[in-house]
Amino acid sequence: MSGSRFARTPVYGDHFGLWERPEFTRFQTTHTVQPGEEGALDLISFNYYGTHEYWWAIAVANEILNPFEEVVPGKKLKIPYVEDIEDWINGSG
């Protein structure tokens, strides 16, 4: 069993590591990263969506490549609408 907290995060599609990046253009709010949330996009996802599984959408919306270096206290993150994330997952976005 992997020690990564992302080990159980589902992978959408079968693109051998390549996928078409979604373009989120609508945002429900802006979140300011608080102490204790460093690198924890999964926790921020849970707070907004009730699931840790959409952490990647927050990363994509904010052009974050390395959450452990880029998600620091005080950073402002755009939070996409859950409907837009799910539309993209279902192929209608």
N, C-alpha and C. Protein backbone atom coordinates (compact mmCIF):
# COMPACT_ATOMS: atom_id res chain seq x y z
N MET A 1 0.84 -1.18 0.00
CA MET A 1 0.00 0.00 0.00
C MET A 1 0.88 1.24 0.00
N SER A 2 0.56 2.16 -0.85
CA SER A 2 1.36 3.37 -0.98
C SER A 2 1.15 4.30 0.21
N GLY A 3 2.18 5.03 0.57
CA GLY A 3 2.08 5.98 1.65
C GLY A 3 1.56 7.33 1.20
N SER A 4 1.33 7.51 -0.08
CA SER A 4 0.85 8.78 -0.60
C SER A 4 -0.62 8.98 -0.26
N ARG A 5 -0.99 10.19 0.12
CA ARG A 5 -2.39 10.47 0.41
C ARG A 5 -3.22 10.51 -0.87
N PHE A 6 -2.58 10.48 -2.03
CA PHE A 6 -3.28 10.48 -3.31
C PHE A 6 -3.43 9.07 -3.89
N ALA A 7 -2.97 8.06 -3.17
CA ALA A 7 -2.96 6.70 -3.69
C ALA A 7 -4.34 6.20 -4.09
N ARG A 8 -5.38 6.63 -3.40
CA ARG A 8 -6.73 6.15 -3.70
C ARG A 8 -7.53 7.13 -4.55
N THR A 9 -6.90 8.18 -5.03
CA THR A 9 -7.59 9.14 -5.88
C THR A 9 -7.84 8.50 -7.24
N PRO A 10 -9.10 8.54 -7.72
CA PRO A 10 -9.37 7.93 -9.02
C PRO A 10 -8.67 8.66 -10.17
N VAL A 11 -8.36 7.91 -11.20
CA VAL A 11 -7.77 8.47 -12.42
C VAL A 11 -8.86 8.45 -13.48
N TYR A 12 -9.10 9.58 -14.11
CA TYR A 12 -10.14 9.68 -15.11
C TYR A 12 -9.55 9.52 -16.50
N GLY A 13 -10.06 8.56 -17.24
CA GLY A 13 -9.58 8.33 -18.60
C GLY A 13 -8.43 7.34 -18.62
N ASP A 14 -8.09 6.93 -19.80
CA ASP A 14 -6.99 5.99 -19.98
C ASP A 14 -6.10 6.56 -21.08
N HIS A 15 -5.26 7.50 -20.73
CA HIS A 15 -4.48 8.22 -21.72
C HIS A 15 -2.98 8.03 -21.52
N PHE A 16 -2.59 6.97 -20.82
CA PHE A 16 -1.17 6.67 -20.61
C PHE A 16 -0.41 7.87 -20.06
N GLY A 17 -1.02 8.56 -19.10
CA GLY A 17 -0.37 9.70 -18.48
C GLY A 17 -0.59 11.01 -19.21
N LEU A 18 -1.23 10.96 -20.37
CA LEU A 18 -1.51 12.17 -21.14
C LEU A 18 -3.01 12.42 -21.12
N TRP A 19 -3.40 13.65 -20.91
CA TRP A 19 -4.81 13.97 -20.91
C TRP A 19 -5.00 15.40 -21.36
N GLU A 20 -6.15 15.65 -21.92
CA GLU A 20 -6.46 17.00 -22.34
C GLU A 20 -6.84 17.81 -21.12
N ARG A 21 -6.13 18.87 -20.91
CA ARG A 21 -6.31 19.69 -19.72
C ARG A 21 -7.62 20.48 -19.81
N PRO A 22 -8.44 20.42 -18.76
CA PRO A 22 -9.66 21.22 -18.77
C PRO A 22 -9.35 22.71 -18.62
N GLU A 23 -10.21 23.52 -19.18
CA GLU A 23 -10.09 24.98 -19.03
C GLU A 23 -11.26 25.45 -18.18
N PHE A 24 -11.02 25.65 -16.91
CA PHE A 24 -12.07 26.16 -16.02
C PHE A 24 -12.09 27.69 -16.13
N THR A 25 -13.26 28.23 -16.43
CA THR A 25 -13.37 29.68 -16.62
C THR A 25 -14.30 30.33 -15.61
N ARG A 26 -15.04 29.51 -14.87
CA ARG A 26 -15.95 30.04 -13.85
C ARG A 26 -15.47 29.56 -12.48
N PHE A 27 -15.57 30.44 -11.51
CA PHE A 27 -15.08 30.10 -10.18
C PHE A 27 -16.11 30.53 -9.14
N GLN A 28 -16.36 29.63 -8.19
CA GLN A 28 -17.35 29.93 -7.16
C GLN A 28 -16.81 30.89 -6.10
N THR A 29 -15.50 30.89 -5.90
CA THR A 29 -14.91 31.77 -4.89
C THR A 29 -13.39 31.73 -5.02
N THR A 30 -12.75 32.51 -4.20
CA THR A 30 -11.29 32.48 -4.04
C THR A 30 -11.00 32.04 -2.61
N HIS A 31 -10.07 31.13 -2.47
CA HIS A 31 -9.68 30.62 -1.16
C HIS A 31 -8.26 31.09 -0.85
N THR A 32 -8.06 31.62 0.34
CA THR A 32 -6.72 31.99 0.80
C THR A 32 -6.19 30.84 1.65
N VAL A 33 -5.06 30.28 1.24
CA VAL A 33 -4.46 29.15 1.96
C VAL A 33 -4.09 29.59 3.38
N GLN A 34 -4.50 28.77 4.34
CA GLN A 34 -4.27 29.05 5.76
C GLN A 34 -3.12 28.20 6.29
N PRO A 35 -2.49 28.60 7.38
CA PRO A 35 -1.49 27.73 8.01
C PRO A 35 -2.13 26.37 8.31
N GLY A 36 -1.41 25.31 8.02
CA GLY A 36 -1.92 23.96 8.19
C GLY A 36 -2.47 23.38 6.89
N GLU A 37 -2.65 24.22 5.87
CA GLU A 37 -3.13 23.75 4.56
C GLU A 37 -2.01 23.67 3.53
N GLU A 38 -0.78 23.88 3.96
CA GLU A 38 0.36 23.85 3.05
C GLU A 38 0.39 22.55 2.26
N GLY A 39 0.39 22.67 0.93
CA GLY A 39 0.48 21.50 0.07
C GLY A 39 -0.73 20.59 0.09
N ALA A 40 -1.80 20.99 0.75
CA ALA A 40 -2.94 20.10 1.00
C ALA A 40 -4.15 20.44 0.14
N LEU A 41 -3.99 20.34 -1.16
CA LEU A 41 -5.13 20.61 -2.05
C LEU A 41 -6.27 19.63 -1.81
N ASP A 42 -5.96 18.43 -1.35
CA ASP A 42 -7.01 17.46 -1.05
C ASP A 42 -7.90 17.94 0.09
N LEU A 43 -7.31 18.56 1.09
CA LEU A 43 -8.11 19.09 2.21
C LEU A 43 -8.96 20.28 1.77
N ILE A 44 -8.39 21.12 0.94
CA ILE A 44 -9.13 22.28 0.42
C ILE A 44 -10.29 21.78 -0.45
N SER A 45 -10.03 20.77 -1.28
CA SER A 45 -11.08 20.16 -2.09
C SER A 45 -12.20 19.64 -1.19
N PHE A 46 -11.85 18.95 -0.14
CA PHE A 46 -12.87 18.41 0.77
C PHE A 46 -13.72 19.53 1.38
N ASN A 47 -13.08 20.63 1.73
CA ASN A 47 -13.82 21.74 2.34
C ASN A 47 -14.86 22.34 1.40
N TYR A 48 -14.56 22.37 0.11
CA TYR A 48 -15.48 22.99 -0.85
C TYR A 48 -16.43 21.99 -1.51
N TYR A 49 -15.97 20.77 -1.73
CA TYR A 49 -16.75 19.81 -2.51
C TYR A 49 -17.23 18.60 -1.72
N GLY A 50 -16.76 18.46 -0.49
CA GLY A 50 -17.16 17.30 0.30
C GLY A 50 -16.43 16.03 -0.11
N THR A 51 -15.41 16.17 -0.95
CA THR A 51 -14.59 15.05 -1.37
C THR A 51 -13.16 15.54 -1.62
N HIS A 52 -12.20 14.69 -1.34
CA HIS A 52 -10.80 15.05 -1.60
C HIS A 52 -10.43 14.82 -3.06
N GLU A 53 -11.31 14.17 -3.83
CA GLU A 53 -10.98 13.71 -5.17
C GLU A 53 -10.83 14.81 -6.22
N TYR A 54 -11.26 16.03 -5.94
CA TYR A 54 -11.19 17.10 -6.94
C TYR A 54 -10.01 18.05 -6.71
N TRP A 55 -9.02 17.59 -5.94
CA TRP A 55 -7.84 18.42 -5.68
C TRP A 55 -7.17 18.82 -6.98
N TRP A 56 -7.15 17.90 -7.95
CA TRP A 56 -6.48 18.14 -9.23
C TRP A 56 -7.12 19.31 -9.98
N ALA A 57 -8.44 19.49 -9.85
CA ALA A 57 -9.14 20.58 -10.54
C ALA A 57 -8.68 21.93 -10.00
N ILE A 58 -8.47 22.00 -8.69
CA ILE A 58 -7.97 23.24 -8.09
C ILE A 58 -6.55 23.50 -8.59
N ALA A 59 -5.74 22.43 -8.68
CA ALA A 59 -4.37 22.58 -9.20
C ALA A 59 -4.39 23.07 -10.64
N VAL A 60 -5.23 22.48 -11.49
CA VAL A 60 -5.31 22.89 -12.89
C VAL A 60 -5.79 24.33 -13.01
N ALA A 61 -6.82 24.68 -12.26
CA ALA A 61 -7.39 26.03 -12.35
C ALA A 61 -6.38 27.11 -11.95
N ASN A 62 -5.42 26.73 -11.10
CA ASN A 62 -4.44 27.69 -10.60
C ASN A 62 -3.04 27.47 -11.17
N GLU A 63 -2.94 26.58 -12.18
CA GLU A 63 -1.67 26.28 -12.84
C GLU A 63 -0.59 25.87 -11.84
N ILE A 64 -0.98 25.01 -10.90
CA ILE A 64 -0.06 24.52 -9.88
C ILE A 64 0.56 23.22 -10.36
N LEU A 65 1.87 23.17 -10.43
CA LEU A 65 2.58 21.97 -10.83
C LEU A 65 3.07 21.17 -9.62
N ASN A 66 3.45 21.87 -8.55
CA ASN A 66 3.96 21.21 -7.35
C ASN A 66 3.26 21.80 -6.13
N PRO A 67 2.18 21.16 -5.67
CA PRO A 67 1.44 21.71 -4.53
C PRO A 67 2.29 21.86 -3.27
N PHE A 68 3.28 20.99 -3.12
CA PHE A 68 4.08 21.04 -1.91
C PHE A 68 4.96 22.29 -1.85
N GLU A 69 5.28 22.86 -3.00
CA GLU A 69 6.07 24.09 -3.03
C GLU A 69 5.21 25.33 -3.26
N GLU A 70 4.09 25.17 -3.97
CA GLU A 70 3.31 26.33 -4.40
C GLU A 70 2.10 26.66 -3.53
N VAL A 71 1.59 25.69 -2.78
CA VAL A 71 0.42 25.94 -1.93
C VAL A 71 0.92 26.28 -0.54
N VAL A 72 1.06 27.59 -0.31
CA VAL A 72 1.63 28.11 0.93
C VAL A 72 0.66 29.11 1.56
N PRO A 73 0.74 29.31 2.87
CA PRO A 73 -0.16 30.27 3.51
C PRO A 73 -0.12 31.63 2.81
N GLY A 74 -1.32 32.17 2.60
CA GLY A 74 -1.46 33.47 1.96
C GLY A 74 -1.73 33.39 0.47
N LYS A 75 -1.43 32.24 -0.16
CA LYS A 75 -1.69 32.10 -1.60
C LYS A 75 -3.19 32.06 -1.84
N LYS A 76 -3.64 32.78 -2.86
CA LYS A 76 -5.04 32.80 -3.22
C LYS A 76 -5.28 31.79 -4.34
N LEU A 77 -6.29 30.95 -4.14
CA LEU A 77 -6.63 29.90 -5.10
C LEU A 77 -8.03 30.12 -5.65
N LYS A 78 -8.17 30.01 -6.96
CA LYS A 78 -9.49 30.05 -7.59
C LYS A 78 -10.11 28.66 -7.41
N ILE A 79 -11.37 28.63 -6.98
CA ILE A 79 -12.07 27.38 -6.74
C ILE A 79 -13.14 27.20 -7.82
N PRO A 80 -12.93 26.24 -8.74
CA PRO A 80 -13.92 26.03 -9.81
C PRO A 80 -15.24 25.50 -9.26
N TYR A 81 -16.30 25.73 -10.02
CA TYR A 81 -17.61 25.17 -9.69
C TYR A 81 -17.56 23.65 -9.84
N VAL A 82 -18.14 22.94 -8.89
CA VAL A 82 -18.17 21.48 -8.95
C VAL A 82 -18.90 21.00 -10.20
N GLU A 83 -19.91 21.72 -10.64
CA GLU A 83 -20.64 21.33 -11.85
C GLU A 83 -19.72 21.33 -13.07
N ASP A 84 -18.82 22.29 -13.15
CA ASP A 84 -17.88 22.36 -14.27
C ASP A 84 -16.88 21.20 -14.22
N ILE A 85 -16.44 20.84 -13.03
CA ILE A 85 -15.53 19.70 -12.87
C ILE A 85 -16.23 18.42 -13.31
N GLU A 86 -17.44 18.22 -12.83
CA GLU A 86 -18.17 16.99 -13.15
C GLU A 86 -18.57 16.94 -14.62
N ASP A 87 -18.89 18.09 -15.22
CA ASP A 87 -19.16 18.13 -16.67
C ASP A 87 -17.92 17.68 -17.44
N TRP A 88 -16.74 18.15 -17.03
CA TRP A 88 -15.51 17.75 -17.71
C TRP A 88 -15.27 16.24 -17.56
N ILE A 89 -15.46 15.73 -16.34
CA ILE A 89 -15.27 14.30 -16.09
C ILE A 89 -16.21 13.46 -16.96
N ASN A 90 -17.45 13.92 -17.09
CA ASN A 90 -18.45 13.18 -17.84
C ASN A 90 -18.40 13.44 -19.34
N GLY A 91 -17.47 14.28 -19.77
CA GLY A 91 -17.29 14.52 -21.18
C GLY A 91 -18.23 15.54 -21.79
N SER A 92 -18.95 16.27 -20.95
CA SER A 92 -19.88 17.26 -21.49
C SER A 92 -19.40 18.68 -21.23
N GLY A 93 -18.18 18.81 -20.74
CA GLY A 93 -17.68 20.15 -20.44
C GLY A 93 -16.65 20.62 -21.42
